[in-house]
PDB file of N, CA and C in Angstrom:
ATOM      1  N   MET A   1      66.559   1.496  78.910  1.00  0.00           N
ATOM      2  CA  MET A   1      66.131   2.063  80.170  1.00  0.00           C
ATOM      3  C   MET A   1      67.255   1.877  81.173  1.00  0.00           C
ATOM      4  N   ALA A   2      67.577   2.932  81.869  1.00  0.00           N
ATOM      5  CA  ALA A   2      68.690   2.883  82.813  1.00  0.00           C
ATOM      6  C   ALA A   2      68.174   2.496  84.194  1.00  0.00           C
ATOM      7  N   THR A   3      68.930   1.685  84.844  1.00  0.00           N
ATOM      8  CA  THR A   3      68.595   1.325  86.233  1.00  0.00           C
ATOM      9  C   THR A   3      69.223   2.362  87.144  1.00  0.00           C
ATOM     10  N   PRO A   4      68.797   2.455  88.381  1.00  0.00           N
ATOM     11  CA  PRO A   4      69.330   3.463  89.286  1.00  0.00           C
ATOM     12  C   PRO A   4      70.838   3.349  89.508  1.00  0.00           C
ATOM     13  N   THR A   5      71.429   2.201  89.276  1.00  0.00           N
ATOM     14  CA  THR A   5      72.862   2.047  89.513  1.00  0.00           C
ATOM     15  C   THR A   5      73.686   2.392  88.274  1.00  0.00           C
ATOM     16  N   GLN A   6      73.054   2.467  87.139  1.00  0.00           N
ATOM     17  CA  GLN A   6      73.778   2.787  85.906  1.00  0.00           C
ATOM     18  C   GLN A   6      73.606   4.272  85.573  1.00  0.00           C
ATOM     19  N   ALA A   7      74.680   4.826  85.065  1.00  0.00           N
ATOM     20  CA  ALA A   7      74.593   6.217  84.609  1.00  0.00           C
ATOM     21  C   ALA A   7      73.963   6.216  83.210  1.00  0.00           C
ATOM     22  N   PRO A   8      73.038   7.110  82.980  1.00  0.00           N
ATOM     23  CA  PRO A   8      72.420   7.139  81.646  1.00  0.00           C
ATOM     24  C   PRO A   8      73.464   7.551  80.589  1.00  0.00           C
ATOM     25  N   THR A   9      73.398   6.877  79.473  1.00  0.00           N
ATOM     26  CA  THR A   9      74.332   7.214  78.388  1.00  0.00           C
ATOM     27  C   THR A   9      73.753   8.386  77.605  1.00  0.00           C
ATOM     28  N   LYS A  10      74.601   9.322  77.276  1.00  0.00           N
ATOM     29  CA  LYS A  10      74.152  10.497  76.535  1.00  0.00           C
ATOM     30  C   LYS A  10      74.480  10.300  75.060  1.00  0.00           C
ATOM     31  N   VAL A  11      73.454  10.380  74.268  1.00  0.00           N
ATOM     32  CA  VAL A  11      73.606  10.263  72.826  1.00  0.00           C
ATOM     33  C   VAL A  11      73.750  11.680  72.274  1.00  0.00           C
ATOM     34  N   PRO A  12      74.798  11.928  71.498  1.00  0.00           N
ATOM     35  CA  PRO A  12      74.917  13.281  70.938  1.00  0.00           C
ATOM     36  C   PRO A  12      73.746  13.575  69.994  1.00  0.00           C
ATOM     37  N   GLN A  13      73.091  14.672  70.252  1.00  0.00           N
ATOM     38  CA  GLN A  13      71.915  15.010  69.452  1.00  0.00           C
ATOM     39  C   GLN A  13      72.313  15.913  68.287  1.00  0.00           C
ATOM     40  N   GLU A  14      71.773  15.592  67.140  1.00  0.00           N
ATOM     41  CA  GLU A  14      72.010  16.405  65.954  1.00  0.00           C
ATOM     42  C   GLU A  14      71.009  17.562  65.961  1.00  0.00           C
ATOM     43  N   PRO A  15      71.410  18.690  65.388  1.00  0.00           N
ATOM     44  CA  PRO A  15      70.447  19.795  65.322  1.00  0.00           C
ATOM     45  C   PRO A  15      69.274  19.425  64.422  1.00  0.00           C
ATOM     46  N   ASP A  16      68.119  19.916  64.777  1.00  0.00           N
ATOM     47  CA  ASP A  16      66.900  19.626  64.016  1.00  0.00           C
ATOM     48  C   ASP A  16      66.983  20.301  62.647  1.00  0.00           C
ATOM     49  N   PRO A  17      66.924  19.542  61.546  1.00  0.00           N
ATOM     50  CA  PRO A  17      67.042  20.161  60.222  1.00  0.00           C
ATOM     51  C   PRO A  17      65.797  20.975  59.840  1.00  0.00           C
ATOM     52  N   PHE A  18      64.725  20.853  60.578  1.00  0.00           N
ATOM     53  CA  PHE A  18      63.489  21.567  60.263  1.00  0.00           C
ATOM     54  C   PHE A  18      63.229  22.724  61.212  1.00  0.00           C
ATOM     55  N   TYR A  19      64.272  23.231  61.840  1.00  0.00           N
ATOM     56  CA  TYR A  19      64.134  24.392  62.709  1.00  0.00           C
ATOM     57  C   TYR A  19      64.296  25.655  61.872  1.00  0.00           C
ATOM     58  N   TYR A  20      63.346  26.561  61.970  1.00  0.00           N
ATOM     59  CA  TYR A  20      63.407  27.796  61.213  1.00  0.00           C
ATOM     60  C   TYR A  20      63.370  28.979  62.171  1.00  0.00           C
ATOM     61  N   ASP A  21      64.129  29.974  61.832  1.00  0.00           N
ATOM     62  CA  ASP A  21      64.062  31.236  62.543  1.00  0.00           C
ATOM     63  C   ASP A  21      62.922  32.013  61.889  1.00  0.00           C
ATOM     64  N   TYR A  22      61.755  31.972  62.495  1.00  0.00           N
ATOM     65  CA  TYR A  22      60.554  32.503  61.862  1.00  0.00           C
ATOM     66  C   TYR A  22      60.604  34.009  61.642  1.00  0.00           C
ATOM     67  N   ASP A  23      61.345  34.737  62.468  1.00  0.00           N
ATOM     68  CA  ASP A  23      61.474  36.176  62.249  1.00  0.00           C
ATOM     69  C   ASP A  23      62.215  36.450  60.942  1.00  0.00           C
ATOM     70  N   THR A  24      63.269  35.695  60.687  1.00  0.00           N
ATOM     71  CA  THR A  24      64.023  35.873  59.439  1.00  0.00           C
ATOM     72  C   THR A  24      63.195  35.443  58.243  1.00  0.00           C
ATOM     73  N   VAL A  25      62.483  34.346  58.363  1.00  0.00           N
ATOM     74  CA  VAL A  25      61.633  33.871  57.266  1.00  0.00           C
ATOM     75  C   VAL A  25      60.559  34.913  56.949  1.00  0.00           C
ATOM     76  N   GLN A  26      59.966  35.499  57.973  1.00  0.00           N
ATOM     77  CA  GLN A  26      58.936  36.502  57.773  1.00  0.00           C
ATOM     78  C   GLN A  26      59.514  37.764  57.135  1.00  0.00           C
ATOM     79  N   THR A  27      60.676  38.197  57.597  1.00  0.00           N
ATOM     80  CA  THR A  27      61.305  39.390  57.045  1.00  0.00           C
ATOM     81  C   THR A  27      61.670  39.198  55.578  1.00  0.00           C
ATOM     82  N   VAL A  28      62.268  38.062  55.255  1.00  0.00           N
ATOM     83  CA  VAL A  28      62.646  37.776  53.867  1.00  0.00           C
ATOM     84  C   VAL A  28      61.399  37.665  52.996  1.00  0.00           C
ATOM     85  N   GLY A  29      60.368  37.035  53.486  1.00  0.00           N
ATOM     86  CA  GLY A  29      59.128  36.891  52.727  1.00  0.00           C
ATOM     87  C   GLY A  29      58.473  38.226  52.439  1.00  0.00           C
ATOM     88  N   MET A  30      58.419  39.094  53.430  1.00  0.00           N
ATOM     89  CA  MET A  30      57.806  40.409  53.228  1.00  0.00           C
ATOM     90  C   MET A  30      58.644  41.266  52.285  1.00  0.00           C
ATOM     91  N   THR A  31      59.958  41.159  52.380  1.00  0.00           N
ATOM     92  CA  THR A  31      60.832  41.912  51.482  1.00  0.00           C
ATOM     93  C   THR A  31      60.644  41.451  50.040  1.00  0.00           C
ATOM     94  N   LEU A  32      60.610  40.148  49.837  1.00  0.00           N
ATOM     95  CA  LEU A  32      60.399  39.596  48.499  1.00  0.00           C
ATOM     96  C   LEU A  32      59.032  39.990  47.955  1.00  0.00           C
ATOM     97  N   ALA A  33      58.013  39.915  48.789  1.00  0.00           N
ATOM     98  CA  ALA A  33      56.661  40.282  48.350  1.00  0.00           C
ATOM     99  C   ALA A  33      56.607  41.757  47.952  1.00  0.00           C
ATOM    100  N   THR A  34      57.272  42.611  48.704  1.00  0.00           N
ATOM    101  CA  THR A  34      57.290  44.038  48.387  1.00  0.00           C
ATOM    102  C   THR A  34      57.993  44.297  47.060  1.00  0.00           C
ATOM    103  N   ILE A  35      59.138  43.650  46.853  1.00  0.00           N
ATOM    104  CA  ILE A  35      59.889  43.831  45.605  1.00  0.00           C
ATOM    105  C   ILE A  35      59.061  43.356  44.416  1.00  0.00           C
ATOM    106  N   LEU A  36      58.438  42.189  44.531  1.00  0.00           N
ATOM    107  CA  LEU A  36      57.634  41.667  43.430  1.00  0.00           C
ATOM    108  C   LEU A  36      56.401  42.529  43.172  1.00  0.00           C
ATOM    109  N   PHE A  37      55.792  43.044  44.217  1.00  0.00           N
ATOM    110  CA  PHE A  37      54.631  43.928  44.064  1.00  0.00           C
ATOM    111  C   PHE A  37      55.021  45.192  43.311  1.00  0.00           C
ATOM    112  N   LEU A  38      56.115  45.821  43.721  1.00  0.00           N
ATOM    113  CA  LEU A  38      56.553  47.048  43.065  1.00  0.00           C
ATOM    114  C   LEU A  38      56.983  46.786  41.625  1.00  0.00           C
ATOM    115  N   LEU A  39      57.597  45.646  41.382  1.00  0.00           N
ATOM    116  CA  LEU A  39      57.985  45.290  40.022  1.00  0.00           C
ATOM    117  C   LEU A  39      56.748  45.097  39.140  1.00  0.00           C
ATOM    118  N   GLY A  40      55.725  44.490  39.667  1.00  0.00           N
ATOM    119  CA  GLY A  40      54.482  44.313  38.926  1.00  0.00           C
ATOM    120  C   GLY A  40      53.819  45.636  38.599  1.00  0.00           C
ATOM    121  N   ILE A  41      53.789  46.545  39.559  1.00  0.00           N
ATOM    122  CA  ILE A  41      53.226  47.871  39.320  1.00  0.00           C
ATOM    123  C   ILE A  41      54.040  48.594  38.254  1.00  0.00           C
ATOM    124  N   LEU A  42      55.350  48.492  38.322  1.00  0.00           N
ATOM    125  CA  LEU A  42      56.221  49.139  37.345  1.00  0.00           C
ATOM    126  C   LEU A  42      55.976  48.598  35.940  1.00  0.00           C
ATOM    127  N   ILE A  43      55.787  47.313  35.812  1.00  0.00           N
ATOM    128  CA  ILE A  43      55.515  46.701  34.501  1.00  0.00           C
ATOM    129  C   ILE A  43      54.175  47.175  33.967  1.00  0.00           C
ATOM    130  N   ILE A  44      53.166  47.222  34.822  1.00  0.00           N
ATOM    131  CA  ILE A  44      51.839  47.676  34.390  1.00  0.00           C
ATOM    132  C   ILE A  44      51.896  49.129  33.929  1.00  0.00           C
ATOM    133  N   ILE A  45      52.579  49.969  34.685  1.00  0.00           N
ATOM    134  CA  ILE A  45      52.671  51.381  34.327  1.00  0.00           C
ATOM    135  C   ILE A  45      53.469  51.557  33.040  1.00  0.00           C
ATOM    136  N   SER A  46      54.534  50.794  32.872  1.00  0.00           N
ATOM    137  CA  SER A  46      55.372  50.973  31.683  1.00  0.00           C
ATOM    138  C   SER A  46      54.641  50.568  30.409  1.00  0.00           C
ATOM    139  N   LYS A  47      53.687  49.666  30.491  1.00  0.00           N
ATOM    140  CA  LYS A  47      52.927  49.274  29.312  1.00  0.00           C
ATOM    141  C   LYS A  47      51.865  50.317  28.962  1.00  0.00           C
ATOM    142  N   LYS A  48      51.451  51.111  29.931  1.00  0.00           N
ATOM    143  CA  LYS A  48      50.442  52.138  29.674  1.00  0.00           C
ATOM    144  C   LYS A  48      51.070  53.409  29.117  1.00  0.00           C
ATOM    145  N   VAL A  49      52.343  53.643  29.416  1.00  0.00           N
ATOM    146  CA  VAL A  49      53.021  54.840  28.934  1.00  0.00           C
ATOM    147  C   VAL A  49      53.588  54.543  27.558  1.00  0.00           C
ATOM    148  N   LYS A  50      53.218  55.376  26.565  1.00  0.00           N
ATOM    149  CA  LYS A  50      53.710  55.174  25.210  1.00  0.00           C
ATOM    150  C   LYS A  50      54.444  56.418  24.758  1.00  0.00           C
ATOM    151  N   CYS A  51      55.255  56.261  23.749  1.00  0.00           N
ATOM    152  CA  CYS A  51      55.999  57.397  23.211  1.00  0.00           C
ATOM    153  C   CYS A  51      55.047  58.350  22.497  1.00  0.00           C
ATOM    154  N   ARG A  52      55.345  59.619  22.612  1.00  0.00           N
ATOM    155  CA  ARG A  52      54.615  60.611  21.829  1.00  0.00           C
ATOM    156  C   ARG A  52      55.271  60.714  20.469  1.00  0.00           C
ATOM    157  N   LYS A  53      54.514  61.159  19.459  1.00  0.00           N
ATOM    158  CA  LYS A  53      55.098  61.259  18.123  1.00  0.00           C
ATOM    159  C   LYS A  53      56.261  62.241  18.101  1.00  0.00           C
ATOM    160  N   ALA A  54      56.180  63.320  18.848  1.00  0.00           N
ATOM    161  CA  ALA A  54      57.262  64.297  18.877  1.00  0.00           C
ATOM    162  C   ALA A  54      58.498  63.713  19.546  1.00  0.00           C
ATOM    163  N   ASP A  55      58.312  62.700  20.357  1.00  0.00           N
ATOM    164  CA  ASP A  55      59.422  62.096  21.095  1.00  0.00           C
ATOM    165  C   ASP A  55      59.975  60.874  20.361  1.00  0.00           C
ATOM    166  N   SER A  56      59.502  60.601  19.146  1.00  0.00           N
ATOM    167  CA  SER A  56      59.945  59.416  18.421  1.00  0.00           C
ATOM    168  C   SER A  56      61.417  59.533  18.075  1.00  0.00           C
ATOM    169  N   SER A  57      62.110  58.478  18.323  1.00  0.00           N
ATOM    170  CA  SER A  57      63.523  58.416  17.980  1.00  0.00           C
ATOM    171  C   SER A  57      63.836  56.974  17.603  1.00  0.00           C
ATOM    172  N   PRO A  58      64.963  56.746  16.915  1.00  0.00           N
ATOM    173  CA  PRO A  58      65.295  55.369  16.528  1.00  0.00           C
ATOM    174  C   PRO A  58      65.422  54.430  17.724  1.00  0.00           C
ATOM    175  N   THR A  59      65.677  54.977  18.911  1.00  0.00           N
ATOM    176  CA  THR A  59      65.831  54.125  20.077  1.00  0.00           C
ATOM    177  C   THR A  59      64.508  53.828  20.762  1.00  0.00           C
ATOM    178  N   CYS A  60      63.437  54.492  20.359  1.00  0.00           N
ATOM    179  CA  CYS A  60      62.127  54.284  20.968  1.00  0.00           C
ATOM    180  C   CYS A  60      61.491  53.028  20.377  1.00  0.00           C
ATOM    181  N   LYS A  61      61.523  51.947  21.084  1.00  0.00           N
ATOM    182  CA  LYS A  61      61.033  50.664  20.587  1.00  0.00           C
ATOM    183  C   LYS A  61      59.527  50.511  20.736  1.00  0.00           C
ATOM    184  N   SER A  62      58.920  51.240  21.680  1.00  0.00           N
ATOM    185  CA  SER A  62      57.506  51.022  21.940  1.00  0.00           C
ATOM    186  C   SER A  62      56.608  51.812  20.996  1.00  0.00           C
ATOM    187  N   CYS A  63      57.187  52.688  20.166  1.00  0.00           N
ATOM    188  CA  CYS A  63      56.370  53.452  19.220  1.00  0.00           C
ATOM    189  C   CYS A  63      55.910  52.537  18.102  1.00  0.00           C
ATOM    190  N   LYS A  64      54.643  52.673  17.721  1.00  0.00           N
ATOM    191  CA  LYS A  64      54.095  51.826  16.660  1.00  0.00           C
ATOM    192  C   LYS A  64      54.418  52.390  15.281  1.00  0.00           C
ATOM    193  N   SER A  65      54.514  53.710  15.168  1.00  0.00           N
ATOM    194  CA  SER A  65      54.775  54.312  13.866  1.00  0.00           C
ATOM    195  C   SER A  65      56.272  54.367  13.606  1.00  0.00           C
ATOM    196  N   GLU A  66      56.631  54.159  12.358  1.00  0.00           N
ATOM    197  CA  GLU A  66      58.039  54.221  11.999  1.00  0.00           C
ATOM    198  C   GLU A  66      58.399  55.648  11.622  1.00  0.00           C
ATOM    199  N   LEU A  67      59.647  55.959  11.726  1.00  0.00           N
ATOM    200  CA  LEU A  67      60.118  57.258  11.299  1.00  0.00           C
ATOM    201  C   LEU A  67      60.126  57.305   9.782  1.00  0.00           C
ATOM    202  N   PRO A  68      59.882  58.466   9.160  1.00  0.00           N
ATOM    203  CA  PRO A  68      59.861  58.546   7.697  1.00  0.00           C
ATOM    204  C   PRO A  68      61.176  58.112   7.066  1.00  0.00           C
ATOM    205  N   SER A  69      62.308  58.400   7.690  1.00  0.00           N
ATOM    206  CA  SER A  69      63.583  58.042   7.100  1.00  0.00           C
ATOM    207  C   SER A  69      63.849  56.544   7.151  1.00  0.00           C
ATOM    208  N   SER A  70      63.136  55.839   8.009  1.00  0.00           N
ATOM    209  CA  SER A  70      63.356  54.399   8.103  1.00  0.00           C
ATOM    210  C   SER A  70      62.279  53.610   7.348  1.00  0.00           C
ATOM    211  N   ALA A  71      61.468  54.300   6.575  1.00  0.00           N
ATOM    212  CA  ALA A  71      60.429  53.623   5.802  1.00  0.00           C
ATOM    213  C   ALA A  71      61.081  52.795   4.690  1.00  0.00           C
ATOM    214  N   PRO A  72      60.438  51.708   4.250  1.00  0.00           N
ATOM    215  CA  PRO A  72      61.047  50.812   3.269  1.00  0.00           C
ATOM    216  C   PRO A  72      61.408  51.496   1.958  1.00  0.00           C
ATOM    217  N   GLY A  73      60.697  52.500   1.472  1.00  0.00           N
ATOM    218  CA  GLY A  73      60.994  53.157   0.202  1.00  0.00           C
ATOM    219  C   GLY A  73      62.036  54.250   0.326  1.00  0.00           C
ATOM    220  N   GLY A  74      62.632  54.389   1.459  1.00  0.00           N
ATOM    221  CA  GLY A  74      63.617  55.429   1.658  1.00  0.00           C
ATOM    222  C   GLY A  74      62.974  56.750   2.009  1.00  0.00           C
ATOM    223  N   GLY A  75      61.714  56.901   1.974  1.00  0.00           N
ATOM    224  CA  GLY A  75      60.902  58.082   2.152  1.00  0.00           C
ATOM    225  C   GLY A  75      61.448  59.171   3.043  1.00  0.00           C
ATOM    226  N   GLY A  76      62.741  59.366   3.101  1.00  0.00           N
ATOM    227  CA  GLY A  76      63.297  60.428   3.910  1.00  0.00           C
ATOM    228  C   GLY A  76      63.150  61.775   3.234  1.00  0.00           C
ATOM    229  N   VAL A  77      63.466  62.813   3.933  1.00  0.00           N
ATOM    230  CA  VAL A  77      63.305  64.163   3.404  1.00  0.00           C
ATOM    231  C   VAL A  77      64.527  64.579   2.639  1.00  0.00           C
TER     232      VAL A  77
END
């Protein structure tokens, strides 16, 4: 405690480590939530869309049926 004749000593204050810029936190949070939401919708839609038999190709991994030429017995034409 300083007396009236003494000048108060100033202690250098450190910045508060728990100070947040709430506008930036909110913006980043909403951006992340939007990206994750759209990614989830994209994953759900991609699992519902399947290859058509006419569209079957060796690169189509989601097709359940194999191509005749890739059958184990060689069953190609």
